[in-house]
Amino acid sequence: MQPFVGGLILETMYDDKTVQWGVITAWEPGCRVAFTWRLHRPENQQTHVSVKFSLRPTGTLLRLVHSEWDALVIESENNHAQYKTCWDYVLQAYTSINFGA
């Protein structure tokens, strides 16, 4: 088994409450990470996120695929649109960070 696969993705809130977002399903350092995503939903209503990284002459190309929307019983189309906007916002925050420094 790869290190971290099966590990939990957790967020600790400002009030020290911990929320589980998902479980890591693939871990390939420098190349790919994948995980289930069920923020505030029951375990049987989780989607899947895969993030791949490719080196380019000007930096790193990141490809994020958020799939398995049919697992969400209610409001699948609305959630899909909302997360697309959220992922754009989250990823934009990383565009100016130099991780090699």
PDB file of N, CA and C in Angstrom:
ATOM      1  N   MET A   1       0.845  -1.184   0.000  1.00  0.00           N
ATOM      2  CA  MET A   1       0.000   0.000   0.000  1.00  0.00           C
ATOM      3  C   MET A   1       0.887   1.243   0.000  1.00  0.00           C
ATOM      4  N   GLN A   2       0.454   2.264  -0.754  1.00  0.00           N
ATOM      5  CA  GLN A   2       1.175   3.528  -0.799  1.00  0.00           C
ATOM      6  C   GLN A   2       0.993   4.279   0.518  1.00  0.00           C
ATOM      7  N   PRO A   3       2.026   5.010   0.950  1.00  0.00           N
ATOM      8  CA  PRO A   3       1.851   5.844   2.145  1.00  0.00           C
ATOM      9  C   PRO A   3       0.679   6.805   1.941  1.00  0.00           C
ATOM     10  N   PHE A   4      -0.052   7.053   2.938  1.00  0.00           N
ATOM     11  CA  PHE A   4      -1.185   7.975   2.981  1.00  0.00           C
ATOM     12  C   PHE A   4      -2.475   7.410   2.387  1.00  0.00           C
ATOM     13  N   VAL A   5      -2.418   6.401   1.506  1.00  0.00           N
ATOM     14  CA  VAL A   5      -3.648   5.849   0.947  1.00  0.00           C
ATOM     15  C   VAL A   5      -4.467   5.255   2.082  1.00  0.00           C
ATOM     16  N   GLY A   6      -5.723   5.622   2.134  1.00  0.00           N
ATOM     17  CA  GLY A   6      -6.586   5.216   3.233  1.00  0.00           C
ATOM     18  C   GLY A   6      -6.619   6.236   4.354  1.00  0.00           C
ATOM     19  N   GLY A   7      -5.715   7.215   4.280  1.00  0.00           N
ATOM     20  CA  GLY A   7      -5.682   8.265   5.292  1.00  0.00           C
ATOM     21  C   GLY A   7      -6.846   9.224   5.142  1.00  0.00           C
ATOM     22  N   LEU A   8      -7.204   9.846   6.227  1.00  0.00           N
ATOM     23  CA  LEU A   8      -8.339  10.759   6.238  1.00  0.00           C
ATOM     24  C   LEU A   8      -7.906  12.183   5.893  1.00  0.00           C
ATOM     25  N   ILE A   9      -8.776  12.902   5.202  1.00  0.00           N
ATOM     26  CA  ILE A   9      -8.596  14.327   4.975  1.00  0.00           C
ATOM     27  C   ILE A   9      -9.501  15.026   5.976  1.00  0.00           C
ATOM     28  N   LEU A  10      -8.901  15.762   6.889  1.00  0.00           N
ATOM     29  CA  LEU A  10      -9.637  16.385   7.988  1.00  0.00           C
ATOM     30  C   LEU A  10      -9.435  17.893   7.982  1.00  0.00           C
ATOM     31  N   GLU A  11     -10.432  18.589   8.487  1.00  0.00           N
ATOM     32  CA  GLU A  11     -10.301  20.022   8.739  1.00  0.00           C
ATOM     33  C   GLU A  11     -10.609  20.257  10.205  1.00  0.00           C
ATOM     34  N   THR A  12      -9.728  20.981  10.869  1.00  0.00           N
ATOM     35  CA  THR A  12      -9.987  21.367  12.250  1.00  0.00           C
ATOM     36  C   THR A  12     -10.475  22.809  12.227  1.00  0.00           C
ATOM     37  N   MET A  13     -11.676  23.003  12.733  1.00  0.00           N
ATOM     38  CA  MET A  13     -12.315  24.312  12.705  1.00  0.00           C
ATOM     39  C   MET A  13     -11.752  25.207  13.812  1.00  0.00           C
ATOM     40  N   TYR A  14     -12.113  26.480  13.751  1.00  0.00           N
ATOM     41  CA  TYR A  14     -11.653  27.449  14.738  1.00  0.00           C
ATOM     42  C   TYR A  14     -12.067  27.078  16.161  1.00  0.00           C
ATOM     43  N   ASP A  15     -13.154  26.301  16.309  1.00  0.00           N
ATOM     44  CA  ASP A  15     -13.608  25.887  17.645  1.00  0.00           C
ATOM     45  C   ASP A  15     -13.078  24.503  18.020  1.00  0.00           C
ATOM     46  N   ASP A  16     -12.035  24.054  17.318  1.00  0.00           N
ATOM     47  CA  ASP A  16     -11.391  22.752  17.521  1.00  0.00           C
ATOM     48  C   ASP A  16     -12.264  21.565  17.124  1.00  0.00           C
ATOM     49  N   LYS A  17     -13.393  21.798  16.473  1.00  0.00           N
ATOM     50  CA  LYS A  17     -14.212  20.715  15.942  1.00  0.00           C
ATOM     51  C   LYS A  17     -13.531  20.193  14.676  1.00  0.00           C
ATOM     52  N   THR A  18     -13.460  18.867  14.530  1.00  0.00           N
ATOM     53  CA  THR A  18     -12.842  18.262  13.365  1.00  0.00           C
ATOM     54  C   THR A  18     -13.912  17.675  12.455  1.00  0.00           C
ATOM     55  N   VAL A  19     -13.777  17.954  11.151  1.00  0.00           N
ATOM     56  CA  VAL A  19     -14.715  17.470  10.148  1.00  0.00           C
ATOM     57  C   VAL A  19     -13.939  16.649   9.127  1.00  0.00           C
ATOM     58  N   GLN A  20     -14.463  15.479   8.778  1.00  0.00           N
ATOM     59  CA  GLN A  20     -13.817  14.649   7.757  1.00  0.00           C
ATOM     60  C   GLN A  20     -14.330  15.038   6.380  1.00  0.00           C
ATOM     61  N   TRP A  21     -13.397  15.362   5.485  1.00  0.00           N
ATOM     62  CA  TRP A  21     -13.755  15.711   4.111  1.00  0.00           C
ATOM     63  C   TRP A  21     -13.724  14.499   3.203  1.00  0.00           C
ATOM     64  N   GLY A  22     -12.803  13.565   3.446  1.00  0.00           N
ATOM     65  CA  GLY A  22     -12.680  12.423   2.553  1.00  0.00           C
ATOM     66  C   GLY A  22     -11.564  11.493   2.974  1.00  0.00           C
ATOM     67  N   VAL A  23     -11.251  10.565   2.055  1.00  0.00           N
ATOM     68  CA  VAL A  23     -10.216   9.559   2.277  1.00  0.00           C
ATOM     69  C   VAL A  23      -9.307   9.533   1.051  1.00  0.00           C
ATOM     70  N   ILE A  24      -8.010   9.490   1.268  1.00  0.00           N
ATOM     71  CA  ILE A  24      -7.047   9.450   0.162  1.00  0.00           C
ATOM     72  C   ILE A  24      -7.110   8.084  -0.517  1.00  0.00           C
ATOM     73  N   THR A  25      -7.269   8.097  -1.848  1.00  0.00           N
ATOM     74  CA  THR A  25      -7.363   6.850  -2.618  1.00  0.00           C
ATOM     75  C   THR A  25      -6.128   6.594  -3.480  1.00  0.00           C
ATOM     76  N   ALA A  26      -5.332   7.637  -3.739  1.00  0.00           N
ATOM     77  CA  ALA A  26      -4.083   7.474  -4.506  1.00  0.00           C
ATOM     78  C   ALA A  26      -3.102   8.540  -4.059  1.00  0.00           C
ATOM     79  N   TRP A  27      -1.819   8.163  -3.976  1.00  0.00           N
ATOM     80  CA  TRP A  27      -0.779   9.092  -3.555  1.00  0.00           C
ATOM     81  C   TRP A  27       0.481   8.789  -4.345  1.00  0.00           C
ATOM     82  N   GLU A  28       0.808   9.666  -5.297  1.00  0.00           N
ATOM     83  CA  GLU A  28       2.011   9.543  -6.113  1.00  0.00           C
ATOM     84  C   GLU A  28       2.724  10.894  -6.045  1.00  0.00           C
ATOM     85  N   PRO A  29       3.617  11.088  -5.063  1.00  0.00           N
ATOM     86  CA  PRO A  29       4.244  12.392  -4.843  1.00  0.00           C
ATOM     87  C   PRO A  29       4.815  13.016  -6.115  1.00  0.00           C
ATOM     88  N   GLY A  30       4.453  14.268  -6.326  1.00  0.00           N
ATOM     89  CA  GLY A  30       4.914  15.007  -7.500  1.00  0.00           C
ATOM     90  C   GLY A  30       4.123  14.734  -8.760  1.00  0.00           C
ATOM     91  N   CYS A  31       3.249  13.727  -8.730  1.00  0.00           N
ATOM     92  CA  CYS A  31       2.496  13.356  -9.935  1.00  0.00           C
ATOM     93  C   CYS A  31       0.983  13.416  -9.754  1.00  0.00           C
ATOM     94  N   ARG A  32       0.491  12.832  -8.665  1.00  0.00           N
ATOM     95  CA  ARG A  32      -0.966  12.683  -8.535  1.00  0.00           C
ATOM     96  C   ARG A  32      -1.372  12.444  -7.087  1.00  0.00           C
ATOM     97  N   VAL A  33      -2.538  12.974  -6.749  1.00  0.00           N
ATOM     98  CA  VAL A  33      -3.214  12.647  -5.503  1.00  0.00           C
ATOM     99  C   VAL A  33      -4.698  12.522  -5.849  1.00  0.00           C
ATOM    100  N   ALA A  34      -5.367  11.577  -5.222  1.00  0.00           N
ATOM    101  CA  ALA A  34      -6.806  11.397  -5.447  1.00  0.00           C
ATOM    102  C   ALA A  34      -7.458  11.080  -4.107  1.00  0.00           C
ATOM    103  N   PHE A  35      -8.719  11.473  -3.993  1.00  0.00           N
ATOM    104  CA  PHE A  35      -9.417  11.261  -2.731  1.00  0.00           C
ATOM    105  C   PHE A  35     -10.923  11.310  -2.919  1.00  0.00           C
ATOM    106  N   THR A  36     -11.617  10.658  -1.984  1.00  0.00           N
ATOM    107  CA  THR A  36     -13.065  10.802  -1.950  1.00  0.00           C
ATOM    108  C   THR A  36     -13.365  12.166  -1.332  1.00  0.00           C
ATOM    109  N   TRP A  37     -14.554  12.678  -1.611  1.00  0.00           N
ATOM    110  CA  TRP A  37     -14.948  14.002  -1.122  1.00  0.00           C
ATOM    111  C   TRP A  37     -16.395  13.923  -0.672  1.00  0.00           C
ATOM    112  N   ARG A  38     -16.636  14.157   0.616  1.00  0.00           N
ATOM    113  CA  ARG A  38     -17.999  14.056   1.129  1.00  0.00           C
ATOM    114  C   ARG A  38     -18.299  15.122   2.169  1.00  0.00           C
ATOM    115  N   LEU A  39     -17.755  16.267   1.998  1.00  0.00           N
ATOM    116  CA  LEU A  39     -17.909  17.344   2.960  1.00  0.00           C
ATOM    117  C   LEU A  39     -19.367  17.542   3.343  1.00  0.00           C
ATOM    118  N   HIS A  40     -19.655  17.345   4.626  1.00  0.00           N
ATOM    119  CA  HIS A  40     -20.994  17.531   5.198  1.00  0.00           C
ATOM    120  C   HIS A  40     -22.054  16.603   4.590  1.00  0.00           C
ATOM    121  N   ARG A  41     -21.642  15.455   4.097  1.00  0.00           N
ATOM    122  CA  ARG A  41     -22.581  14.485   3.525  1.00  0.00           C
ATOM    123  C   ARG A  41     -22.302  13.109   4.115  1.00  0.00           C
ATOM    124  N   PRO A  42     -23.306  12.219   4.055  1.00  0.00           N
ATOM    125  CA  PRO A  42     -23.067  10.845   4.520  1.00  0.00           C
ATOM    126  C   PRO A  42     -22.047  10.138   3.616  1.00  0.00           C
ATOM    127  N   GLU A  43     -21.416   9.131   4.143  1.00  0.00           N
ATOM    128  CA  GLU A  43     -20.369   8.412   3.404  1.00  0.00           C
ATOM    129  C   GLU A  43     -20.869   7.839   2.080  1.00  0.00           C
ATOM    130  N   ASN A  44     -22.160   7.470   2.004  1.00  0.00           N
ATOM    131  CA  ASN A  44     -22.676   6.894   0.760  1.00  0.00           C
ATOM    132  C   ASN A  44     -22.975   7.970  -0.289  1.00  0.00           C
ATOM    133  N   GLN A  45     -22.724   9.234   0.042  1.00  0.00           N
ATOM    134  CA  GLN A  45     -22.920  10.324  -0.914  1.00  0.00           C
ATOM    135  C   GLN A  45     -21.601  11.079  -1.097  1.00  0.00           C
ATOM    136  N   GLN A  46     -20.602  10.373  -1.582  1.00  0.00           N
ATOM    137  CA  GLN A  46     -19.304  11.010  -1.778  1.00  0.00           C
ATOM    138  C   GLN A  46     -18.960  11.055  -3.259  1.00  0.00           C
ATOM    139  N   THR A  47     -18.229  12.091  -3.631  1.00  0.00           N
ATOM    140  CA  THR A  47     -17.717  12.209  -4.984  1.00  0.00           C
ATOM    141  C   THR A  47     -16.232  11.856  -4.950  1.00  0.00           C
ATOM    142  N   HIS A  48     -15.541  12.021  -6.070  1.00  0.00           N
ATOM    143  CA  HIS A  48     -14.127  11.674  -6.140  1.00  0.00           C
ATOM    144  C   HIS A  48     -13.366  12.813  -6.811  1.00  0.00           C
ATOM    145  N   VAL A  49     -12.194  13.126  -6.260  1.00  0.00           N
ATOM    146  CA  VAL A  49     -11.345  14.179  -6.811  1.00  0.00           C
ATOM    147  C   VAL A  49      -9.991  13.575  -7.149  1.00  0.00           C
ATOM    148  N   SER A  50      -9.516  13.866  -8.355  1.00  0.00           N
ATOM    149  CA  SER A  50      -8.187  13.437  -8.776  1.00  0.00           C
ATOM    150  C   SER A  50      -7.422  14.673  -9.245  1.00  0.00           C
ATOM    151  N   VAL A  51      -6.216  14.844  -8.727  1.00  0.00           N
ATOM    152  CA  VAL A  51      -5.389  15.984  -9.099  1.00  0.00           C
ATOM    153  C   VAL A  51      -4.072  15.451  -9.653  1.00  0.00           C
ATOM    154  N   LYS A  52      -3.753  15.852 -10.896  1.00  0.00           N
ATOM    155  CA  LYS A  52      -2.505  15.437 -11.537  1.00  0.00           C
ATOM    156  C   LYS A  52      -1.638  16.661 -11.787  1.00  0.00           C
ATOM    157  N   PHE A  53      -0.327  16.480 -11.653  1.00  0.00           N
ATOM    158  CA  PHE A  53       0.638  17.548 -11.836  1.00  0.00           C
ATOM    159  C   PHE A  53       1.590  17.180 -12.972  1.00  0.00           C
ATOM    160  N   SER A  54       1.830  18.129 -13.890  1.00  0.00           N
ATOM    161  CA  SER A  54       2.765  17.917 -15.001  1.00  0.00           C
ATOM    162  C   SER A  54       3.694  19.119 -15.098  1.00  0.00           C
ATOM    163  N   LEU A  55       4.987  18.860 -15.138  1.00  0.00           N
ATOM    164  CA  LEU A  55       5.955  19.948 -15.271  1.00  0.00           C
ATOM    165  C   LEU A  55       5.869  20.567 -16.654  1.00  0.00           C
ATOM    166  N   ARG A  56       5.946  21.889 -16.686  1.00  0.00           N
ATOM    167  CA  ARG A  56       5.961  22.669 -17.920  1.00  0.00           C
ATOM    168  C   ARG A  56       7.130  23.640 -17.822  1.00  0.00           C
ATOM    169  N   PRO A  57       7.615  24.157 -18.954  1.00  0.00           N
ATOM    170  CA  PRO A  57       8.752  25.094 -18.899  1.00  0.00           C
ATOM    171  C   PRO A  57       8.496  26.316 -18.021  1.00  0.00           C
ATOM    172  N   THR A  58       7.242  26.730 -17.912  1.00  0.00           N
ATOM    173  CA  THR A  58       6.939  27.936 -17.133  1.00  0.00           C
ATOM    174  C   THR A  58       6.385  27.634 -15.752  1.00  0.00           C
ATOM    175  N   GLY A  59       6.309  26.376 -15.373  1.00  0.00           N
ATOM    176  CA  GLY A  59       5.767  26.027 -14.064  1.00  0.00           C
ATOM    177  C   GLY A  59       5.170  24.639 -14.062  1.00  0.00           C
ATOM    178  N   THR A  60       4.086  24.482 -13.365  1.00  0.00           N
ATOM    179  CA  THR A  60       3.425  23.182 -13.240  1.00  0.00           C
ATOM    180  C   THR A  60       1.981  23.300 -13.698  1.00  0.00           C
ATOM    181  N   LEU A  61       1.573  22.379 -14.551  1.00  0.00           N
ATOM    182  CA  LEU A  61       0.181  22.287 -14.978  1.00  0.00           C
ATOM    183  C   LEU A  61      -0.547  21.384 -14.006  1.00  0.00           C
ATOM    184  N   LEU A  62      -1.652  21.850 -13.479  1.00  0.00           N
ATOM    185  CA  LEU A  62      -2.463  21.079 -12.547  1.00  0.00           C
ATOM    186  C   LEU A  62      -3.781  20.754 -13.229  1.00  0.00           C
ATOM    187  N   ARG A  63      -4.154  19.492 -13.212  1.00  0.00           N
ATOM    188  CA  ARG A  63      -5.439  19.085 -13.780  1.00  0.00           C
ATOM    189  C   ARG A  63      -6.260  18.452 -12.668  1.00  0.00           C
ATOM    190  N   LEU A  64      -7.382  19.060 -12.333  1.00  0.00           N
ATOM    191  CA  LEU A  64      -8.268  18.571 -11.286  1.00  0.00           C
ATOM    192  C   LEU A  64      -9.537  18.040 -11.944  1.00  0.00           C
ATOM    193  N   VAL A  65      -9.879  16.797 -11.626  1.00  0.00           N
ATOM    194  CA  VAL A  65     -11.118  16.199 -12.111  1.00  0.00           C
ATOM    195  C   VAL A  65     -11.951  15.811 -10.895  1.00  0.00           C
ATOM    196  N   HIS A  66     -13.126  16.399 -10.778  1.00  0.00           N
ATOM    197  CA  HIS A  66     -14.060  16.105  -9.688  1.00  0.00           C
ATOM    198  C   HIS A  66     -15.207  15.330 -10.315  1.00  0.00           C
ATOM    199  N   SER A  67     -15.346  14.046  -9.952  1.00  0.00           N
ATOM    200  CA  SER A  67     -16.287  13.157 -10.635  1.00  0.00           C
ATOM    201  C   SER A  67     -17.211  12.429  -9.661  1.00  0.00           C
ATOM    202  N   GLU A  68     -18.014  11.551 -10.213  1.00  0.00           N
ATOM    203  CA  GLU A  68     -18.972  10.706  -9.490  1.00  0.00           C
ATOM    204  C   GLU A  68     -20.086  11.524  -8.845  1.00  0.00           C
ATOM    205  N   TRP A  69     -20.548  12.533  -9.573  1.00  0.00           N
ATOM    206  CA  TRP A  69     -21.614  13.405  -9.087  1.00  0.00           C
ATOM    207  C   TRP A  69     -22.929  12.664  -8.904  1.00  0.00           C
ATOM    208  N   ASP A  70     -23.105  11.568  -9.613  1.00  0.00           N
ATOM    209  CA  ASP A  70     -24.359  10.812  -9.486  1.00  0.00           C
ATOM    210  C   ASP A  70     -24.526  10.198  -8.098  1.00  0.00           C
ATOM    211  N   ALA A  71     -23.453  10.172  -7.299  1.00  0.00           N
ATOM    212  CA  ALA A  71     -23.553   9.656  -5.925  1.00  0.00           C
ATOM    213  C   ALA A  71     -24.339  10.599  -5.020  1.00  0.00           C
ATOM    214  N   LEU A  72     -24.436  11.863  -5.428  1.00  0.00           N
ATOM    215  CA  LEU A  72     -25.189  12.829  -4.642  1.00  0.00           C
ATOM    216  C   LEU A  72     -26.661  12.699  -4.999  1.00  0.00           C
ATOM    217  N   VAL A  73     -27.438  12.303  -4.049  1.00  0.00           N
ATOM    218  CA  VAL A  73     -28.840  11.983  -4.287  1.00  0.00           C
ATOM    219  C   VAL A  73     -29.648  13.232  -4.641  1.00  0.00           C
ATOM    220  N   ILE A  74     -29.345  14.338  -3.998  1.00  0.00           N
ATOM    221  CA  ILE A  74     -30.132  15.557  -4.179  1.00  0.00           C
ATOM    222  C   ILE A  74     -29.234  16.668  -4.730  1.00  0.00           C
ATOM    223  N   GLU A  75     -29.754  17.461  -5.633  1.00  0.00           N
ATOM    224  CA  GLU A  75     -29.108  18.672  -6.125  1.00  0.00           C
ATOM    225  C   GLU A  75     -27.761  18.424  -6.799  1.00  0.00           C
ATOM    226  N   SER A  76     -27.637  17.348  -7.558  1.00  0.00           N
ATOM    227  CA  SER A  76     -26.358  17.024  -8.185  1.00  0.00           C
ATOM    228  C   SER A  76     -25.875  18.136  -9.115  1.00  0.00           C
ATOM    229  N   GLU A  77     -26.726  18.652  -9.972  1.00  0.00           N
ATOM    230  CA  GLU A  77     -26.305  19.691 -10.913  1.00  0.00           C
ATOM    231  C   GLU A  77     -25.913  20.973 -10.193  1.00  0.00           C
ATOM    232  N   ASN A  78     -26.667  21.343  -9.186  1.00  0.00           N
ATOM    233  CA  ASN A  78     -26.361  22.549  -8.426  1.00  0.00           C
ATOM    234  C   ASN A  78     -25.015  22.413  -7.712  1.00  0.00           C
ATOM    235  N   ASN A  79     -24.766  21.262  -7.098  1.00  0.00           N
ATOM    236  CA  ASN A  79     -23.488  21.039  -6.415  1.00  0.00           C
ATOM    237  C   ASN A  79     -22.331  21.078  -7.397  1.00  0.00           C
ATOM    238  N   HIS A  80     -22.522  20.501  -8.564  1.00  0.00           N
ATOM    239  CA  HIS A  80     -21.474  20.485  -9.578  1.00  0.00           C
ATOM    240  C   HIS A  80     -21.080  21.909  -9.943  1.00  0.00           C
ATOM    241  N   ALA A  81     -22.035  22.760 -10.207  1.00  0.00           N
ATOM    242  CA  ALA A  81     -21.754  24.148 -10.565  1.00  0.00           C
ATOM    243  C   ALA A  81     -21.093  24.892  -9.415  1.00  0.00           C
ATOM    244  N   GLN A  82     -21.565  24.670  -8.205  1.00  0.00           N
ATOM    245  CA  GLN A  82     -21.006  25.341  -7.030  1.00  0.00           C
ATOM    246  C   GLN A  82     -19.554  24.938  -6.812  1.00  0.00           C
ATOM    247  N   TYR A  83     -19.235  23.647  -6.919  1.00  0.00           N
ATOM    248  CA  TYR A  83     -17.869  23.207  -6.694  1.00  0.00           C
ATOM    249  C   TYR A  83     -16.934  23.682  -7.787  1.00  0.00           C
ATOM    250  N   LYS A  84     -17.417  23.791  -9.036  1.00  0.00           N
ATOM    251  CA  LYS A  84     -16.553  24.305 -10.091  1.00  0.00           C
ATOM    252  C   LYS A  84     -16.088  25.705  -9.723  1.00  0.00           C
ATOM    253  N   THR A  85     -16.986  26.535  -9.259  1.00  0.00           N
ATOM    254  CA  THR A  85     -16.631  27.883  -8.837  1.00  0.00           C
ATOM    255  C   THR A  85     -15.688  27.846  -7.642  1.00  0.00           C
ATOM    256  N   CYS A  86     -15.968  26.976  -6.681  1.00  0.00           N
ATOM    257  CA  CYS A  86     -15.124  26.885  -5.480  1.00  0.00           C
ATOM    258  C   CYS A  86     -13.722  26.403  -5.815  1.00  0.00           C
ATOM    259  N   TRP A  87     -13.601  25.383  -6.670  1.00  0.00           N
ATOM    260  CA  TRP A  87     -12.264  24.892  -7.025  1.00  0.00           C
ATOM    261  C   TRP A  87     -11.462  25.990  -7.724  1.00  0.00           C
ATOM    262  N   ASP A  88     -12.108  26.765  -8.606  1.00  0.00           N
ATOM    263  CA  ASP A  88     -11.405  27.874  -9.263  1.00  0.00           C
ATOM    264  C   ASP A  88     -10.850  28.835  -8.221  1.00  0.00           C
ATOM    265  N   TYR A  89     -11.645  29.165  -7.225  1.00  0.00           N
ATOM    266  CA  TYR A  89     -11.240  30.083  -6.161  1.00  0.00           C
ATOM    267  C   TYR A  89     -10.083  29.502  -5.339  1.00  0.00           C
ATOM    268  N   VAL A  90     -10.211  28.255  -4.922  1.00  0.00           N
ATOM    269  CA  VAL A  90      -9.177  27.610  -4.096  1.00  0.00           C
ATOM    270  C   VAL A  90      -7.862  27.497  -4.864  1.00  0.00           C
ATOM    271  N   LEU A  91      -7.922  27.041  -6.095  1.00  0.00           N
ATOM    272  CA  LEU A  91      -6.691  26.846  -6.868  1.00  0.00           C
ATOM    273  C   LEU A  91      -6.016  28.162  -7.219  1.00  0.00           C
ATOM    274  N   GLN A  92      -6.790  29.212  -7.430  1.00  0.00           N
ATOM    275  CA  GLN A  92      -6.218  30.527  -7.735  1.00  0.00           C
ATOM    276  C   GLN A  92      -5.295  30.993  -6.603  1.00  0.00           C
ATOM    277  N   ALA A  93      -5.627  30.623  -5.380  1.00  0.00           N
ATOM    278  CA  ALA A  93      -4.810  31.036  -4.231  1.00  0.00           C
ATOM    279  C   ALA A  93      -3.402  30.451  -4.294  1.00  0.00           C
ATOM    280  N   TYR A  94      -3.217  29.357  -5.022  1.00  0.00           N
ATOM    281  CA  TYR A  94      -1.909  28.707  -5.094  1.00  0.00           C
ATOM    282  C   TYR A  94      -1.072  29.154  -6.293  1.00  0.00           C
ATOM    283  N   THR A  95      -1.617  29.955  -7.193  1.00  0.00           N
ATOM    284  CA  THR A  95      -0.898  30.280  -8.428  1.00  0.00           C
ATOM    285  C   THR A  95       0.342  31.128  -8.212  1.00  0.00           C
ATOM    286  N   SER A  96       0.418  31.880  -7.143  1.00  0.00           N
ATOM    287  CA  SER A  96       1.567  32.753  -6.941  1.00  0.00           C
ATOM    288  C   SER A  96       2.555  32.213  -5.905  1.00  0.00           C
ATOM    289  N   ILE A  97       2.329  31.015  -5.413  1.00  0.00           N
ATOM    290  CA  ILE A  97       3.219  30.442  -4.409  1.00  0.00           C
ATOM    291  C   ILE A  97       4.376  29.733  -5.092  1.00  0.00           C
ATOM    292  N   ASN A  98       5.602  30.009  -4.657  1.00  0.00           N
ATOM    293  CA  ASN A  98       6.771  29.324  -5.167  1.00  0.00           C
ATOM    294  C   ASN A  98       7.154  28.252  -4.159  1.00  0.00           C
ATOM    295  N   PHE A  99       6.757  27.010  -4.439  1.00  0.00           N
ATOM    296  CA  PHE A  99       7.006  25.924  -3.491  1.00  0.00           C
ATOM    297  C   PHE A  99       8.463  25.483  -3.499  1.00  0.00           C
ATOM    298  N   GLY A 100       9.228  25.895  -4.495  1.00  0.00           N
ATOM    299  CA  GLY A 100      10.636  25.507  -4.567  1.00  0.00           C
ATOM    300  C   GLY A 100      11.548  26.399  -3.748  1.00  0.00           C
ATOM    301  N   ALA A 101      11.004  27.469  -3.225  1.00  0.00           N
ATOM    302  CA  ALA A 101      11.824  28.428  -2.478  1.00  0.00           C
ATOM    303  C   ALA A 101      12.100  27.976  -1.067  1.00  0.00           C
TER     304      ALA A 101
END
